[in-house]
Amino acid sequence: MPGGLAALLDDVSIIARAAAASVDDVAAAAGRAGSKTAGVVIDDAAVTPSYVTGMSPARELPLIWNITKGSLKNKLLILLPGALLLSEFLPGAIIFLLMLGGAYLSYEGAEKLMEKLSGEKHGETLEDPIEDPVQFEKKRTASAIRTDLILSAEIMAITLNEVAMESLLTRGIVLALVGVAVTVFVYGAVAIIVKLDDVGLHILEKPSDSAKKIGQMLLNAMPKILIALSVIGTVAMLWVGGGIIIHGLHELGFHTLADFGQGLEHGVEELTGGLGGILGWATYAAISAAVGLGLGAVLFLVIHKVFRIGHADADKGAAH
């Protein structure tokens, strides 16, 4: 009996060590994947506040909550099962899906930049009059969830690419962890950002002069924060999209862009000493953004100038 108990305890110890190792593996894989998705996460956090702009303050948090629920459904109910099936039966397709997403992000970034420079808009814009607030909110929510689906697919594909060699169970857990963590981080940050003006107004009502200064500072900063987020979101789209394209081409055997970017990155690192890491990274990011802008501009011209997609409403308006 003592021998049987000792053997049982030994088996339990082995299982416990295996479980601990599995937890460590999952944590390490999630950490690797999370760092790789940082660019898309920045993009997501920067883009999302624009969907709340112009809404009634009372509807801002409910709208963000609806988008958050849609984002979790995108990641856990649609993308997670699809990603696992893909990784199990057609792993070679992952790189092409990544590049497709990179092309979309490049196009989105280029479109925003072109619209800013030309003043030309494509489709419904924030400046359009809101005739039905309820319907407008539904459309805004649906549009945000569609955009989230693309960005979430990119996050899940990048994550999947990082854990492709792990077991199916580990892949599933890591994808779920990264998906939930990214969603909580992004929409938690968005909720804080869009309510900063309300916080400023609340502080402004305090009798203290220092409190009033802080409240006024927050109110004054809010428009600048939204503008900065818009710029960061556009740059992040181009940087992430172009970087994915460069990486994908490298994986497919076309090394010119990747070799050029890495060579320039290493050259800058060697020339700039202590700041080499940051400036080298910025150099490669700039090259990625340039590639994203070039590809995005071509797609923009083909979509809007050749096929004239997005001009239908404008043409109808001109006809009337």
Protein backbone atom coordinates (compact mmCIF):
# COMPACT_ATOMS: atom_id res chain seq x y z
CA MET A 1 0.00 0.00 0.00
CA PRO A 2 2.74 2.52 0.84
CA GLY A 3 4.38 1.64 -2.48
CA GLY A 4 1.11 2.24 -4.33
CA LEU A 5 0.61 5.60 -2.58
CA ALA A 6 4.19 6.63 -3.37
CA ALA A 7 3.68 5.69 -7.02
CA LEU A 8 0.42 7.64 -7.12
CA LEU A 9 2.06 10.72 -5.60
CA ASP A 10 4.92 10.36 -8.07
CA ASP A 11 2.42 10.25 -10.97
CA VAL A 12 0.64 13.32 -9.58
CA SER A 13 3.99 15.12 -9.33
CA ILE A 14 4.80 14.29 -12.96
CA ILE A 15 1.38 15.50 -14.11
CA ALA A 16 1.76 18.70 -12.08
CA ARG A 17 5.20 19.39 -13.60
CA ALA A 18 3.82 18.73 -17.09
CA ALA A 19 0.90 21.07 -16.42
CA ALA A 20 3.26 23.77 -15.14
CA ALA A 21 5.45 23.35 -18.22
CA SER A 22 2.35 23.64 -20.41
CA VAL A 23 1.34 26.85 -18.64
CA ASP A 24 4.86 28.20 -19.16
CA ASP A 25 4.70 27.22 -22.85
CA VAL A 26 1.34 28.96 -23.27
CA ALA A 27 2.56 32.07 -21.45
CA ALA A 28 5.74 32.24 -23.52
CA ALA A 29 3.86 31.69 -26.78
CA ALA A 30 1.25 34.30 -25.83
CA GLY A 31 4.02 36.76 -24.98
CA ARG A 32 5.74 36.24 -28.34
CA ALA A 33 2.48 36.55 -30.25
CA GLY A 34 1.39 39.60 -28.26
CA SER A 35 4.57 41.49 -29.06
CA LYS A 36 4.22 40.71 -32.77
CA THR A 37 0.65 42.05 -32.86
CA ALA A 38 1.60 45.36 -31.19
CA GLY A 39 1.43 47.34 -34.43
CA VAL A 40 -2.08 46.15 -35.28
CA VAL A 41 -3.20 46.76 -31.68
CA ILE A 42 -1.95 50.37 -31.89
CA ASP A 43 -3.81 50.72 -35.17
CA ASP A 44 -7.01 49.30 -33.64
CA ALA A 45 -6.81 51.55 -30.56
CA ALA A 46 -6.12 54.61 -32.71
CA VAL A 47 -8.86 53.97 -35.27
CA THR A 48 -11.74 53.03 -32.96
CA PRO A 49 -12.35 56.43 -31.25
CA SER A 50 -13.36 57.88 -34.64
CA TYR A 51 -16.50 55.70 -34.54
CA VAL A 52 -17.63 57.43 -31.33
CA THR A 53 -16.90 60.96 -32.57
CA GLY A 54 -20.09 62.98 -32.95
CA MET A 55 -22.18 60.71 -30.72
CA SER A 56 -24.13 61.90 -27.71
CA PRO A 57 -21.94 61.60 -24.56
CA ALA A 58 -24.60 59.34 -23.03
CA ARG A 59 -24.26 56.90 -25.95
CA GLU A 60 -20.45 56.74 -26.09
CA LEU A 61 -19.87 53.95 -23.57
CA PRO A 62 -22.88 51.84 -24.72
CA LEU A 63 -21.57 52.12 -28.29
CA ILE A 64 -18.07 51.04 -27.21
CA TRP A 65 -19.57 48.14 -25.26
CA ASN A 66 -21.53 46.97 -28.33
CA ILE A 67 -18.36 47.15 -30.44
CA THR A 68 -16.46 45.24 -27.73
CA LYS A 69 -19.04 42.44 -27.75
CA GLY A 70 -18.86 42.33 -31.54
CA SER A 71 -15.06 42.18 -31.37
CA LEU A 72 -15.12 39.23 -28.95
CA LYS A 73 -17.57 37.40 -31.24
CA ASN A 74 -15.30 38.11 -34.20
CA LYS A 75 -12.27 36.69 -32.43
CA LEU A 76 -13.70 33.78 -30.44
CA LEU A 77 -16.65 32.54 -32.50
CA ILE A 78 -15.53 33.26 -36.07
CA LEU A 79 -11.76 33.69 -36.31
CA LEU A 80 -10.55 31.27 -33.61
CA PRO A 81 -12.24 28.13 -35.03
CA GLY A 82 -11.30 29.18 -38.57
CA ALA A 83 -7.68 29.79 -37.60
CA LEU A 84 -7.37 26.41 -35.89
CA LEU A 85 -8.89 24.57 -38.85
CA LEU A 86 -6.59 26.45 -41.21
CA SER A 87 -3.48 25.72 -39.15
CA GLU A 88 -4.40 22.05 -38.93
CA PHE A 89 -5.35 21.37 -42.56
CA LEU A 90 -3.95 24.23 -44.70
CA PRO A 91 -1.06 25.92 -42.84
CA GLY A 92 0.52 27.16 -46.08
CA ALA A 93 -2.40 29.54 -46.61
CA ILE A 94 -1.62 31.57 -43.48
CA ILE A 95 1.05 33.69 -45.15
CA PHE A 96 -1.30 34.59 -48.01
CA LEU A 97 -4.04 35.61 -45.57
CA LEU A 98 -1.49 37.75 -43.73
CA MET A 99 -0.50 39.46 -46.97
CA LEU A 100 -4.14 39.99 -47.95
CA GLY A 101 -4.71 41.69 -44.60
CA GLY A 102 -1.52 43.70 -45.07
CA ALA A 103 -2.76 44.90 -48.46
CA TYR A 104 -6.09 45.92 -46.90
CA LEU A 105 -4.36 47.88 -44.12
CA SER A 106 -2.11 49.57 -46.70
CA TYR A 107 -5.16 50.54 -48.75
CA GLU A 108 -7.00 51.90 -45.68
CA GLY A 109 -4.02 53.99 -44.64
CA ALA A 110 -3.45 55.33 -48.16
CA GLU A 111 -7.16 56.13 -48.54
CA LYS A 112 -7.17 58.17 -45.32
CA LEU A 113 -4.07 60.06 -46.45
CA MET A 114 -5.46 60.70 -49.95
CA GLU A 115 -8.74 61.94 -48.52
CA LYS A 116 -6.90 64.26 -46.15
CA LEU A 117 -4.76 65.73 -48.93
CA SER A 118 -7.50 66.03 -51.57
CA GLY A 119 -10.56 66.72 -49.40
CA GLU A 120 -12.43 64.08 -51.40
CA LYS A 121 -14.58 61.66 -49.39
CA HIS A 122 -15.68 58.13 -50.27
CA GLY A 123 -18.94 56.89 -48.83
CA GLU A 124 -20.68 58.20 -45.71
CA THR A 125 -18.65 60.61 -43.58
CA LEU A 126 -18.91 62.16 -40.14
CA GLU A 127 -19.86 65.49 -41.72
CA ASP A 128 -23.11 64.09 -43.13
CA PRO A 129 -26.26 65.22 -41.24
CA ILE A 130 -27.62 62.66 -38.75
CA GLU A 131 -31.34 62.27 -39.53
CA ASP A 132 -32.02 59.11 -37.48
CA PRO A 133 -29.71 58.84 -34.42
CA VAL A 134 -30.74 55.24 -33.63
CA GLN A 135 -30.14 54.04 -37.17
CA PHE A 136 -26.92 56.06 -37.36
CA GLU A 137 -25.63 54.37 -34.20
CA LYS A 138 -26.47 50.92 -35.60
CA LYS A 139 -24.62 51.72 -38.82
CA ARG A 140 -21.64 53.12 -36.91
CA THR A 141 -21.51 50.00 -34.71
CA ALA A 142 -21.76 47.66 -37.69
CA SER A 143 -19.03 49.59 -39.52
CA ALA A 144 -16.73 49.46 -36.47
CA ILE A 145 -17.29 45.71 -36.06
CA ARG A 146 -16.51 45.13 -39.76
CA THR A 147 -13.25 47.06 -39.42
CA ASP A 148 -12.51 45.16 -36.20
CA LEU A 149 -13.03 41.87 -38.06
CA ILE A 150 -10.23 42.75 -40.50
CA LEU A 151 -7.87 43.94 -37.75
CA SER A 152 -8.78 40.96 -35.54
CA ALA A 153 -8.13 38.57 -38.42
CA GLU A 154 -4.71 40.15 -38.80
CA ILE A 155 -4.03 39.81 -35.06
CA MET A 156 -5.13 36.17 -35.05
CA ALA A 157 -3.13 35.36 -38.19
CA ILE A 158 0.02 36.94 -36.75
CA THR A 159 -0.55 35.06 -33.49
CA LEU A 160 -1.14 31.80 -35.34
CA ASN A 161 2.04 32.29 -37.33
CA GLU A 162 3.98 32.61 -34.06
CA VAL A 163 2.56 29.42 -32.52
CA ALA A 164 2.34 27.30 -35.67
CA MET A 165 4.69 24.66 -34.21
CA GLU A 166 2.77 24.31 -30.93
CA SER A 167 0.13 21.67 -30.22
CA LEU A 168 -3.46 22.27 -31.31
CA LEU A 169 -4.53 22.82 -27.69
CA THR A 170 -1.75 25.33 -27.04
CA ARG A 171 -2.58 27.15 -30.29
CA GLY A 172 -6.24 27.39 -29.27
CA ILE A 173 -5.47 28.66 -25.76
CA VAL A 174 -2.93 31.23 -26.99
CA LEU A 175 -5.29 32.52 -29.69
CA ALA A 176 -8.09 32.88 -27.14
CA LEU A 177 -5.83 34.58 -24.57
CA VAL A 178 -4.38 37.04 -27.06
CA GLY A 179 -7.82 37.74 -28.54
CA VAL A 180 -9.43 38.52 -25.18
CA ALA A 181 -6.42 40.47 -23.87
CA VAL A 182 -6.22 42.63 -27.01
CA THR A 183 -9.96 43.31 -26.95
CA VAL A 184 -9.96 44.34 -23.28
CA PHE A 185 -6.87 46.53 -23.76
CA VAL A 186 -8.06 48.25 -26.95
CA TYR A 187 -11.64 49.01 -25.96
CA GLY A 188 -10.72 49.79 -22.35
CA ALA A 189 -8.23 52.35 -23.67
CA VAL A 190 -10.82 53.70 -26.12
CA ALA A 191 -13.38 54.08 -23.32
CA ILE A 192 -10.88 56.06 -21.24
CA ILE A 193 -9.90 58.26 -24.19
CA VAL A 194 -13.42 59.20 -25.25
CA LYS A 195 -14.48 60.05 -21.68
CA LEU A 196 -11.50 62.30 -20.93
CA ASP A 197 -13.55 65.39 -21.78
CA ASP A 198 -16.27 64.32 -19.32
CA VAL A 199 -13.59 63.79 -16.67
CA GLY A 200 -12.28 67.27 -17.46
CA LEU A 201 -15.74 68.79 -17.07
CA HIS A 202 -16.23 67.00 -13.75
CA ILE A 203 -12.87 68.22 -12.41
CA LEU A 204 -13.63 71.73 -13.69
CA GLU A 205 -16.60 71.89 -11.30
CA LYS A 206 -14.34 71.47 -8.28
CA PRO A 207 -13.73 74.66 -6.23
CA SER A 208 -9.94 74.27 -6.20
CA ASP A 209 -8.01 76.44 -8.66
CA SER A 210 -5.54 73.62 -9.34
CA ALA A 211 -8.44 71.25 -10.09
CA LYS A 212 -9.92 73.78 -12.50
CA LYS A 213 -6.58 74.06 -14.30
CA ILE A 214 -6.36 70.27 -14.66
CA GLY A 215 -9.96 70.08 -15.88
CA GLN A 216 -9.40 72.82 -18.45
CA MET A 217 -6.16 71.16 -19.55
CA LEU A 218 -8.01 67.90 -20.23
CA LEU A 219 -10.72 69.70 -22.19
CA ASN A 220 -8.16 71.58 -24.26
CA ALA A 221 -6.13 68.42 -24.86
CA MET A 222 -9.03 66.27 -26.09
CA PRO A 223 -9.23 67.62 -29.69
CA LYS A 224 -5.44 67.34 -30.00
CA ILE A 225 -5.52 63.76 -28.68
CA LEU A 226 -8.15 62.77 -31.27
CA ILE A 227 -6.11 64.37 -34.07
CA ALA A 228 -2.95 62.62 -32.83
CA LEU A 229 -4.79 59.28 -32.70
CA SER A 230 -6.02 59.79 -36.25
CA VAL A 231 -2.45 60.43 -37.45
CA ILE A 232 -1.05 57.51 -35.43
CA GLY A 233 -3.78 55.21 -36.77
CA THR A 234 -3.00 56.14 -40.38
CA VAL A 235 0.75 55.72 -39.90
CA ALA A 236 0.22 52.41 -38.07
CA MET A 237 -1.92 51.07 -40.92
CA LEU A 238 0.82 51.85 -43.45
CA TRP A 239 3.65 50.64 -41.22
CA VAL A 240 1.94 47.37 -40.24
CA GLY A 241 0.52 46.72 -43.71
CA GLY A 242 3.83 47.36 -45.46
CA GLY A 243 5.76 45.32 -42.89
CA ILE A 244 3.45 42.34 -43.42
CA ILE A 245 3.91 42.59 -47.20
CA ILE A 246 7.72 42.72 -46.88
CA HIS A 247 7.72 39.73 -44.51
CA GLY A 248 5.35 37.78 -46.74
CA LEU A 249 7.43 38.38 -49.85
CA HIS A 250 10.51 37.27 -47.93
CA GLU A 251 8.77 34.05 -46.86
CA LEU A 252 7.78 33.41 -50.49
CA GLY A 253 11.39 33.76 -51.68
CA PHE A 254 11.44 37.43 -52.76
CA HIS A 255 14.14 38.83 -50.47
CA THR A 256 15.02 42.21 -52.04
CA LEU A 257 12.82 44.48 -49.90
CA ALA A 258 13.51 42.61 -46.67
CA ASP A 259 17.27 42.54 -47.28
CA PHE A 260 17.30 46.25 -48.15
CA GLY A 261 15.27 47.18 -45.07
CA GLN A 262 17.31 45.05 -42.70
CA GLY A 263 20.59 46.26 -44.19
CA LEU A 264 19.57 49.89 -43.74
CA GLU A 265 18.30 49.15 -40.22
CA HIS A 266 21.62 47.58 -39.20
CA GLY A 267 23.56 50.45 -40.83
CA VAL A 268 21.62 53.04 -38.83
CA GLU A 269 22.12 51.02 -35.63
CA GLU A 270 25.90 50.98 -36.12
CA LEU A 271 26.10 54.70 -36.90
CA THR A 272 23.92 55.99 -34.05
CA GLY A 273 25.42 54.25 -31.01
CA GLY A 274 23.20 54.28 -27.92
CA LEU A 275 20.11 55.28 -29.88
CA GLY A 276 20.79 52.61 -32.50
CA GLY A 277 18.04 50.25 -31.39
CA ILE A 278 15.29 52.88 -31.54
CA LEU A 279 16.52 54.61 -34.69
CA GLY A 280 17.17 51.29 -36.45
CA TRP A 281 13.64 50.15 -35.68
CA ALA A 282 12.25 53.51 -36.83
CA THR A 283 14.19 53.18 -40.10
CA TYR A 284 12.72 49.75 -40.85
CA ALA A 285 9.26 51.01 -39.82
CA ALA A 286 9.64 53.96 -42.22
CA ILE A 287 10.59 51.63 -45.07
CA SER A 288 7.58 49.43 -44.21
CA ALA A 289 5.31 52.49 -44.21
CA ALA A 290 6.70 53.58 -47.59
CA VAL A 291 5.97 50.14 -49.05
CA GLY A 292 2.49 50.23 -47.50
CA LEU A 293 1.83 53.70 -48.92
CA GLY A 294 3.01 52.67 -52.39
CA LEU A 295 0.85 49.55 -52.46
CA GLY A 296 -2.09 51.35 -50.84
CA ALA A 297 -1.92 54.20 -53.36
CA VAL A 298 -2.05 51.74 -56.27
CA LEU A 299 -5.05 49.95 -54.74
CA PHE A 300 -6.71 53.31 -54.03
CA LEU A 301 -6.35 54.42 -57.66
CA VAL A 302 -7.62 51.10 -59.00
CA ILE A 303 -10.62 50.97 -56.65
CA HIS A 304 -11.70 54.62 -56.74
CA LYS A 305 -10.41 55.91 -60.07
CA VAL A 306 -10.59 52.87 -62.37
CA PHE A 307 -13.61 51.00 -60.99
CA ARG A 308 -15.02 54.14 -59.29
CA ILE A 309 -16.14 52.17 -56.23
CA GLY A 310 -17.31 54.61 -53.57
CA HIS A 311 -18.36 57.24 -56.11
CA ALA A 312 -21.90 55.98 -56.61
CA ASP A 313 -23.40 58.13 -53.85
CA ALA A 314 -21.50 61.20 -55.02
CA ASP A 315 -22.65 60.66 -58.60
CA LYS A 316 -26.25 60.26 -57.47
CA GLY A 317 -26.02 63.44 -55.45
CA ALA A 318 -24.62 65.31 -58.44
CA ALA A 319 -27.44 64.00 -60.62
CA HIS A 320 -30.01 65.41 -58.23
